[in-house]
Amino acid sequence: AAGRGGGALLLAAGDARRLTVVEASAASVDADSWGATAQRASLDEVCAQLARRNLARANLEAVAWRCREKAAYERIVGALAARHHFEPVIWSYALKHADAERTREWLEWRLSRGALGDLGPVLSCALVDVEPVDLRAYDHLEYGPLVNARAHRLGAKATILNEGLAGQWRSFLLQVAHRPRPRRADLVAACHYLFAMDRVDEAAARLAHIPD
């Protein structure tokens, strides 16, 4: 601050002390500081801390830069997996290192959060499986009443008069159409719906050809 007459005015001061500046190295890292360990410690020390530290309170993204190297990625992801701890940013490096197992785990995590976009009602491949039941996009429902009010066809075209059953049937057919071939469970479910629609002869014929 400027004093009267333009001179400097000292407002406050503390006791002087000498500071020692050292070059950052693994030897000077505070063992209790995760931030310092993540940035400057050796890979051995990082993995040792991952084995003993409370992972829920550690910013694990701080070591993600190390995962650019495959050897570091394998050790870090192995240390986390050994403690059954999943860290999305770390697992995402599985794509870079062609780690199919971790890539699958990472994609399943993203799928559970709707982060993969629209993959269709059903999808099965080496890296990800989209099952509508698992995602709560489809449930097999029972139908009631068991006896329909109308047993005979109304008009020239077969029509499902119950809107709820009609919607469920279309949803079922859509997912089956996206599979390479119907599963045994799909064939059984189809028979259930045919019986519910009073298509008894069709249901019985198909039921007889379902493999054990």
C-alpha atoms as a PDB file:
ATOM      1  CA  ALA A   1       0.000   0.000   0.000  1.00  0.00           C
ATOM      2  CA  ALA A   2       1.141   3.561  -0.601  1.00  0.00           C
ATOM      3  CA  GLY A   3       1.718   5.812   2.394  1.00  0.00           C
ATOM      4  CA  ARG A   4       1.692   9.577   2.669  1.00  0.00           C
ATOM      5  CA  GLY A   5       4.208  11.206   0.394  1.00  0.00           C
ATOM      6  CA  GLY A   6       4.130   8.263  -2.015  1.00  0.00           C
ATOM      7  CA  GLY A   7       6.272   5.926   0.099  1.00  0.00           C
ATOM      8  CA  ALA A   8       5.465   2.264   0.794  1.00  0.00           C
ATOM      9  CA  LEU A   9       3.546   1.514   3.967  1.00  0.00           C
ATOM     10  CA  LEU A  10       4.030  -1.867   5.642  1.00  0.00           C
ATOM     11  CA  LEU A  11       0.701  -3.138   6.915  1.00  0.00           C
ATOM     12  CA  ALA A  12       1.728  -6.525   8.389  1.00  0.00           C
ATOM     13  CA  ALA A  13       4.617  -8.977   8.459  1.00  0.00           C
ATOM     14  CA  GLY A  14       5.372 -12.451   9.746  1.00  0.00           C
ATOM     15  CA  ASP A  15       8.508 -14.064  11.057  1.00  0.00           C
ATOM     16  CA  ALA A  16      10.968 -14.910   8.329  1.00  0.00           C
ATOM     17  CA  ARG A  17      11.905 -18.534   7.807  1.00  0.00           C
ATOM     18  CA  ARG A  18      14.076 -20.416   5.341  1.00  0.00           C
ATOM     19  CA  LEU A  19      12.440 -22.684   2.745  1.00  0.00           C
ATOM     20  CA  THR A  20      14.249 -25.635   1.231  1.00  0.00           C
ATOM     21  CA  VAL A  21      13.309 -26.484  -2.359  1.00  0.00           C
ATOM     22  CA  VAL A  22      13.924 -30.073  -3.461  1.00  0.00           C
ATOM     23  CA  GLU A  23      13.420 -31.771  -6.790  1.00  0.00           C
ATOM     24  CA  ALA A  24      10.246 -33.856  -6.909  1.00  0.00           C
ATOM     25  CA  SER A  25      10.990 -37.579  -6.882  1.00  0.00           C
ATOM     26  CA  ALA A  26       9.463 -40.828  -5.764  1.00  0.00           C
ATOM     27  CA  ALA A  27      11.558 -40.642  -2.598  1.00  0.00           C
ATOM     28  CA  SER A  28      10.002 -37.292  -1.619  1.00  0.00           C
ATOM     29  CA  VAL A  29       6.371 -38.314  -2.148  1.00  0.00           C
ATOM     30  CA  ASP A  30       4.154 -38.197   0.932  1.00  0.00           C
ATOM     31  CA  ALA A  31       3.037 -41.787   1.419  1.00  0.00           C
ATOM     32  CA  ASP A  32      -0.259 -40.600   2.891  1.00  0.00           C
ATOM     33  CA  SER A  33      -1.110 -38.324  -0.027  1.00  0.00           C
ATOM     34  CA  TRP A  34      -3.001 -40.159  -2.761  1.00  0.00           C
ATOM     35  CA  GLY A  35      -2.801 -37.179  -5.100  1.00  0.00           C
ATOM     36  CA  ALA A  36       0.991 -37.059  -4.867  1.00  0.00           C
ATOM     37  CA  THR A  37       1.297 -40.827  -5.155  1.00  0.00           C
ATOM     38  CA  ALA A  38      -0.918 -40.953  -8.220  1.00  0.00           C
ATOM     39  CA  GLN A  39       1.112 -38.307 -10.012  1.00  0.00           C
ATOM     40  CA  ARG A  40       4.703 -38.899  -8.957  1.00  0.00           C
ATOM     41  CA  ALA A  41       5.187 -42.236  -7.199  1.00  0.00           C
ATOM     42  CA  SER A  42       6.446 -45.393  -8.847  1.00  0.00           C
ATOM     43  CA  LEU A  43       4.008 -47.860 -10.329  1.00  0.00           C
ATOM     44  CA  ASP A  44       4.883 -50.325  -7.555  1.00  0.00           C
ATOM     45  CA  GLU A  45       3.865 -47.796  -4.904  1.00  0.00           C
ATOM     46  CA  VAL A  46       0.684 -46.900  -6.762  1.00  0.00           C
ATOM     47  CA  CYS A  47      -0.367 -50.549  -6.877  1.00  0.00           C
ATOM     48  CA  ALA A  48       0.611 -51.013  -3.229  1.00  0.00           C
ATOM     49  CA  GLN A  49      -1.662 -48.114  -2.274  1.00  0.00           C
ATOM     50  CA  LEU A  50      -4.487 -49.493  -4.396  1.00  0.00           C
ATOM     51  CA  ALA A  51      -4.189 -52.721  -2.426  1.00  0.00           C
ATOM     52  CA  ARG A  52      -4.572 -51.046   0.978  1.00  0.00           C
ATOM     53  CA  ARG A  53      -6.269 -47.675   0.495  1.00  0.00           C
ATOM     54  CA  ASN A  54      -9.980 -46.946   0.906  1.00  0.00           C
ATOM     55  CA  LEU A  55     -10.839 -46.896  -2.807  1.00  0.00           C
ATOM     56  CA  ALA A  56     -14.206 -45.234  -2.248  1.00  0.00           C
ATOM     57  CA  ARG A  57     -12.384 -42.116  -1.017  1.00  0.00           C
ATOM     58  CA  ALA A  58      -9.635 -42.038  -3.633  1.00  0.00           C
ATOM     59  CA  ASN A  59      -9.869 -40.182  -6.930  1.00  0.00           C
ATOM     60  CA  LEU A  60      -8.875 -43.108  -9.118  1.00  0.00           C
ATOM     61  CA  GLU A  61      -9.084 -41.016 -12.276  1.00  0.00           C
ATOM     62  CA  ALA A  62      -5.829 -39.427 -11.089  1.00  0.00           C
ATOM     63  CA  VAL A  63      -3.920 -42.543 -12.226  1.00  0.00           C
ATOM     64  CA  ALA A  64      -5.737 -42.920 -15.538  1.00  0.00           C
ATOM     65  CA  TRP A  65      -2.888 -41.250 -17.441  1.00  0.00           C
ATOM     66  CA  ARG A  66      -0.634 -44.163 -16.500  1.00  0.00           C
ATOM     67  CA  CYS A  67      -2.971 -46.590 -18.305  1.00  0.00           C
ATOM     68  CA  ARG A  68      -1.764 -45.355 -21.684  1.00  0.00           C
ATOM     69  CA  GLU A  69       1.039 -47.880 -21.193  1.00  0.00           C
ATOM     70  CA  LYS A  70      -0.232 -51.456 -21.393  1.00  0.00           C
ATOM     71  CA  ALA A  71       1.981 -52.769 -18.577  1.00  0.00           C
ATOM     72  CA  ALA A  72       0.717 -50.058 -16.209  1.00  0.00           C
ATOM     73  CA  TYR A  73      -2.878 -50.587 -17.311  1.00  0.00           C
ATOM     74  CA  GLU A  74      -2.704 -54.324 -16.627  1.00  0.00           C
ATOM     75  CA  ARG A  75      -1.260 -53.842 -13.152  1.00  0.00           C
ATOM     76  CA  ILE A  76      -3.660 -51.078 -12.143  1.00  0.00           C
ATOM     77  CA  VAL A  77      -6.787 -52.773 -13.445  1.00  0.00           C
ATOM     78  CA  GLY A  78      -5.603 -56.025 -11.883  1.00  0.00           C
ATOM     79  CA  ALA A  79      -5.148 -54.346  -8.489  1.00  0.00           C
ATOM     80  CA  LEU A  80      -8.641 -52.878  -8.664  1.00  0.00           C
ATOM     81  CA  ALA A  81     -10.227 -56.114  -9.878  1.00  0.00           C
ATOM     82  CA  ALA A  82      -8.576 -58.001  -7.023  1.00  0.00           C
ATOM     83  CA  ARG A  83     -10.577 -55.785  -4.670  1.00  0.00           C
ATOM     84  CA  HIS A  84     -13.757 -56.096  -6.781  1.00  0.00           C
ATOM     85  CA  HIS A  85     -13.707 -52.392  -7.528  1.00  0.00           C
ATOM     86  CA  PHE A  86     -14.815 -51.048 -10.902  1.00  0.00           C
ATOM     87  CA  GLU A  87     -13.598 -47.664 -12.141  1.00  0.00           C
ATOM     88  CA  PRO A  88     -15.136 -46.674 -15.518  1.00  0.00           C
ATOM     89  CA  VAL A  89     -12.319 -44.376 -16.662  1.00  0.00           C
ATOM     90  CA  ILE A  90      -9.661 -47.014 -15.945  1.00  0.00           C
ATOM     91  CA  TRP A  91     -11.734 -49.748 -17.642  1.00  0.00           C
ATOM     92  CA  SER A  92     -12.206 -47.571 -20.736  1.00  0.00           C
ATOM     93  CA  TYR A  93      -8.520 -48.089 -21.570  1.00  0.00           C
ATOM     94  CA  ALA A  94      -9.446 -51.708 -22.337  1.00  0.00           C
ATOM     95  CA  LEU A  95     -10.428 -50.461 -25.789  1.00  0.00           C
ATOM     96  CA  LYS A  96      -6.932 -49.105 -26.402  1.00  0.00           C
ATOM     97  CA  HIS A  97      -5.254 -52.322 -25.266  1.00  0.00           C
ATOM     98  CA  ALA A  98      -7.729 -54.741 -26.927  1.00  0.00           C
ATOM     99  CA  ASP A  99      -8.692 -56.279 -23.577  1.00  0.00           C
ATOM    100  CA  ALA A 100     -11.939 -58.026 -24.529  1.00  0.00           C
ATOM    101  CA  GLU A 101     -12.926 -59.068 -20.996  1.00  0.00           C
ATOM    102  CA  ARG A 102     -12.609 -55.550 -19.519  1.00  0.00           C
ATOM    103  CA  THR A 103     -14.148 -53.987 -22.621  1.00  0.00           C
ATOM    104  CA  ARG A 104     -17.199 -56.174 -22.124  1.00  0.00           C
ATOM    105  CA  GLU A 105     -17.458 -55.132 -18.465  1.00  0.00           C
ATOM    106  CA  TRP A 106     -17.142 -51.468 -19.412  1.00  0.00           C
ATOM    107  CA  LEU A 107     -19.784 -51.745 -22.155  1.00  0.00           C
ATOM    108  CA  GLU A 108     -22.178 -53.556 -19.820  1.00  0.00           C
ATOM    109  CA  TRP A 109     -21.761 -50.728 -17.312  1.00  0.00           C
ATOM    110  CA  ARG A 110     -22.546 -48.142 -19.988  1.00  0.00           C
ATOM    111  CA  LEU A 111     -25.476 -50.202 -21.242  1.00  0.00           C
ATOM    112  CA  SER A 112     -26.978 -50.328 -17.739  1.00  0.00           C
ATOM    113  CA  ARG A 113     -26.984 -46.524 -17.744  1.00  0.00           C
ATOM    114  CA  GLY A 114     -28.441 -46.161 -21.215  1.00  0.00           C
ATOM    115  CA  ALA A 115     -25.220 -44.650 -22.494  1.00  0.00           C
ATOM    116  CA  LEU A 116     -24.877 -46.816 -25.628  1.00  0.00           C
ATOM    117  CA  GLY A 117     -27.837 -45.381 -27.494  1.00  0.00           C
ATOM    118  CA  ASP A 118     -30.446 -47.446 -29.319  1.00  0.00           C
ATOM    119  CA  LEU A 119     -29.026 -50.901 -30.067  1.00  0.00           C
ATOM    120  CA  GLY A 120     -32.393 -52.417 -30.896  1.00  0.00           C
ATOM    121  CA  PRO A 121     -34.614 -54.642 -28.768  1.00  0.00           C
ATOM    122  CA  VAL A 122     -32.120 -57.546 -28.792  1.00  0.00           C
ATOM    123  CA  LEU A 123     -28.403 -57.737 -29.554  1.00  0.00           C
ATOM    124  CA  SER A 124     -25.855 -60.455 -28.920  1.00  0.00           C
ATOM    125  CA  CYS A 125     -22.193 -60.188 -29.885  1.00  0.00           C
ATOM    126  CA  ALA A 126     -18.774 -60.944 -28.452  1.00  0.00           C
ATOM    127  CA  LEU A 127     -18.611 -57.700 -26.445  1.00  0.00           C
ATOM    128  CA  VAL A 128     -22.151 -56.888 -25.366  1.00  0.00           C
ATOM    129  CA  ASP A 129     -25.544 -58.550 -24.891  1.00  0.00           C
ATOM    130  CA  VAL A 130     -28.770 -56.568 -24.975  1.00  0.00           C
ATOM    131  CA  GLU A 131     -31.570 -58.538 -23.307  1.00  0.00           C
ATOM    132  CA  PRO A 132     -34.875 -56.680 -22.905  1.00  0.00           C
ATOM    133  CA  VAL A 133     -35.798 -58.622 -19.754  1.00  0.00           C
ATOM    134  CA  ASP A 134     -32.500 -57.692 -18.080  1.00  0.00           C
ATOM    135  CA  LEU A 135     -33.030 -54.045 -19.017  1.00  0.00           C
ATOM    136  CA  ARG A 136     -36.655 -54.176 -17.840  1.00  0.00           C
ATOM    137  CA  ALA A 137     -37.820 -53.250 -21.324  1.00  0.00           C
ATOM    138  CA  TYR A 138     -39.950 -56.395 -21.607  1.00  0.00           C
ATOM    139  CA  ASP A 139     -41.682 -58.762 -19.188  1.00  0.00           C
ATOM    140  CA  HIS A 140     -43.553 -61.966 -19.930  1.00  0.00           C
ATOM    141  CA  LEU A 141     -47.049 -61.338 -18.586  1.00  0.00           C
ATOM    142  CA  GLU A 142     -49.882 -63.661 -17.762  1.00  0.00           C
ATOM    143  CA  TYR A 143     -53.190 -63.035 -19.480  1.00  0.00           C
ATOM    144  CA  GLY A 144     -56.605 -62.790 -17.863  1.00  0.00           C
ATOM    145  CA  PRO A 145     -59.387 -63.618 -18.093  1.00  0.00           C
ATOM    146  CA  LEU A 146     -58.555 -67.099 -19.307  1.00  0.00           C
ATOM    147  CA  VAL A 147     -61.846 -67.241 -21.240  1.00  0.00           C
ATOM    148  CA  ASN A 148     -62.250 -64.645 -23.979  1.00  0.00           C
ATOM    149  CA  ALA A 149     -65.583 -62.931 -24.465  1.00  0.00           C
ATOM    150  CA  ARG A 150     -65.540 -63.752 -28.195  1.00  0.00           C
ATOM    151  CA  ALA A 151     -64.342 -67.145 -29.405  1.00  0.00           C
ATOM    152  CA  HIS A 152     -65.000 -66.698 -33.137  1.00  0.00           C
ATOM    153  CA  ARG A 153     -63.270 -64.463 -35.662  1.00  0.00           C
ATOM    154  CA  LEU A 154     -64.790 -61.019 -36.143  1.00  0.00           C
ATOM    155  CA  GLY A 155     -64.556 -60.226 -39.862  1.00  0.00           C
ATOM    156  CA  ALA A 156     -62.271 -61.698 -42.495  1.00  0.00           C
ATOM    157  CA  LYS A 157     -59.044 -60.868 -40.645  1.00  0.00           C
ATOM    158  CA  ALA A 158     -57.987 -62.302 -37.298  1.00  0.00           C
ATOM    159  CA  THR A 159     -57.870 -59.436 -34.803  1.00  0.00           C
ATOM    160  CA  ILE A 160     -56.698 -59.342 -31.191  1.00  0.00           C
ATOM    161  CA  LEU A 161     -59.479 -57.394 -29.523  1.00  0.00           C
ATOM    162  CA  ASN A 162     -57.660 -56.990 -26.215  1.00  0.00           C
ATOM    163  CA  GLU A 163     -55.315 -54.023 -26.720  1.00  0.00           C
ATOM    164  CA  GLY A 164     -53.027 -55.038 -23.874  1.00  0.00           C
ATOM    165  CA  LEU A 165     -52.538 -58.522 -25.294  1.00  0.00           C
ATOM    166  CA  ALA A 166     -52.073 -57.123 -28.806  1.00  0.00           C
ATOM    167  CA  GLY A 167     -49.315 -54.768 -27.631  1.00  0.00           C
ATOM    168  CA  GLN A 168     -47.598 -57.525 -25.664  1.00  0.00           C
ATOM    169  CA  TRP A 169     -47.734 -59.877 -28.663  1.00  0.00           C
ATOM    170  CA  ARG A 170     -46.193 -57.261 -30.980  1.00  0.00           C
ATOM    171  CA  SER A 171     -43.436 -56.513 -28.455  1.00  0.00           C
ATOM    172  CA  PHE A 172     -42.685 -60.237 -28.167  1.00  0.00           C
ATOM    173  CA  LEU A 173     -42.556 -60.714 -31.955  1.00  0.00           C
ATOM    174  CA  LEU A 174     -40.262 -57.701 -32.356  1.00  0.00           C
ATOM    175  CA  GLN A 175     -37.610 -59.057 -30.018  1.00  0.00           C
ATOM    176  CA  VAL A 176     -37.806 -62.586 -31.449  1.00  0.00           C
ATOM    177  CA  ALA A 177     -37.385 -61.148 -34.954  1.00  0.00           C
ATOM    178  CA  HIS A 178     -34.067 -59.604 -33.880  1.00  0.00           C
ATOM    179  CA  ARG A 179     -32.594 -62.921 -32.739  1.00  0.00           C
ATOM    180  CA  PRO A 180     -30.647 -65.226 -35.095  1.00  0.00           C
ATOM    181  CA  ARG A 181     -33.171 -67.943 -34.200  1.00  0.00           C
ATOM    182  CA  PRO A 182     -35.893 -68.348 -31.550  1.00  0.00           C
ATOM    183  CA  ARG A 183     -34.752 -69.810 -28.241  1.00  0.00           C
ATOM    184  CA  ARG A 184     -36.651 -72.637 -26.578  1.00  0.00           C
ATOM    185  CA  ALA A 185     -38.045 -70.103 -24.091  1.00  0.00           C
ATOM    186  CA  ASP A 186     -39.318 -68.027 -27.023  1.00  0.00           C
ATOM    187  CA  LEU A 187     -41.133 -71.024 -28.505  1.00  0.00           C
ATOM    188  CA  VAL A 188     -42.809 -71.795 -25.193  1.00  0.00           C
ATOM    189  CA  ALA A 189     -43.805 -68.145 -24.756  1.00  0.00           C
ATOM    190  CA  ALA A 190     -45.249 -68.079 -28.285  1.00  0.00           C
ATOM    191  CA  CYS A 191     -47.443 -71.065 -27.445  1.00  0.00           C
ATOM    192  CA  HIS A 192     -48.630 -69.272 -24.302  1.00  0.00           C
ATOM    193  CA  TYR A 193     -49.726 -66.261 -26.328  1.00  0.00           C
ATOM    194  CA  LEU A 194     -51.408 -68.416 -28.977  1.00  0.00           C
ATOM    195  CA  PHE A 195     -53.428 -70.173 -26.298  1.00  0.00           C
ATOM    196  CA  ALA A 196     -54.368 -66.772 -24.835  1.00  0.00           C
ATOM    197  CA  MET A 197     -55.637 -65.721 -28.267  1.00  0.00           C
ATOM    198  CA  ASP A 198     -57.734 -68.893 -28.580  1.00  0.00           C
ATOM    199  CA  ARG A 199     -55.504 -70.162 -31.389  1.00  0.00           C
ATOM    200  CA  VAL A 200     -55.531 -73.542 -29.680  1.00  0.00           C
ATOM    201  CA  ASP A 201     -54.768 -75.761 -32.664  1.00  0.00           C
ATOM    202  CA  GLU A 202     -51.740 -73.666 -33.656  1.00  0.00           C
ATOM    203  CA  ALA A 203     -50.481 -73.577 -30.084  1.00  0.00           C
ATOM    204  CA  ALA A 204     -50.822 -77.326 -29.615  1.00  0.00           C
ATOM    205  CA  ALA A 205     -49.055 -78.076 -32.920  1.00  0.00           C
ATOM    206  CA  ARG A 206     -46.143 -75.789 -32.097  1.00  0.00           C
ATOM    207  CA  LEU A 207     -45.917 -77.066 -28.532  1.00  0.00           C
ATOM    208  CA  ALA A 208     -45.529 -80.618 -29.828  1.00  0.00           C
ATOM    209  CA  HIS A 209     -42.453 -79.627 -31.852  1.00  0.00           C
ATOM    210  CA  ILE A 210     -40.551 -77.798 -29.105  1.00  0.00           C
ATOM    211  CA  PRO A 211     -37.341 -79.740 -28.341  1.00  0.00           C
ATOM    212  CA  ASP A 212     -36.835 -81.059 -24.840  1.00  0.00           C
END
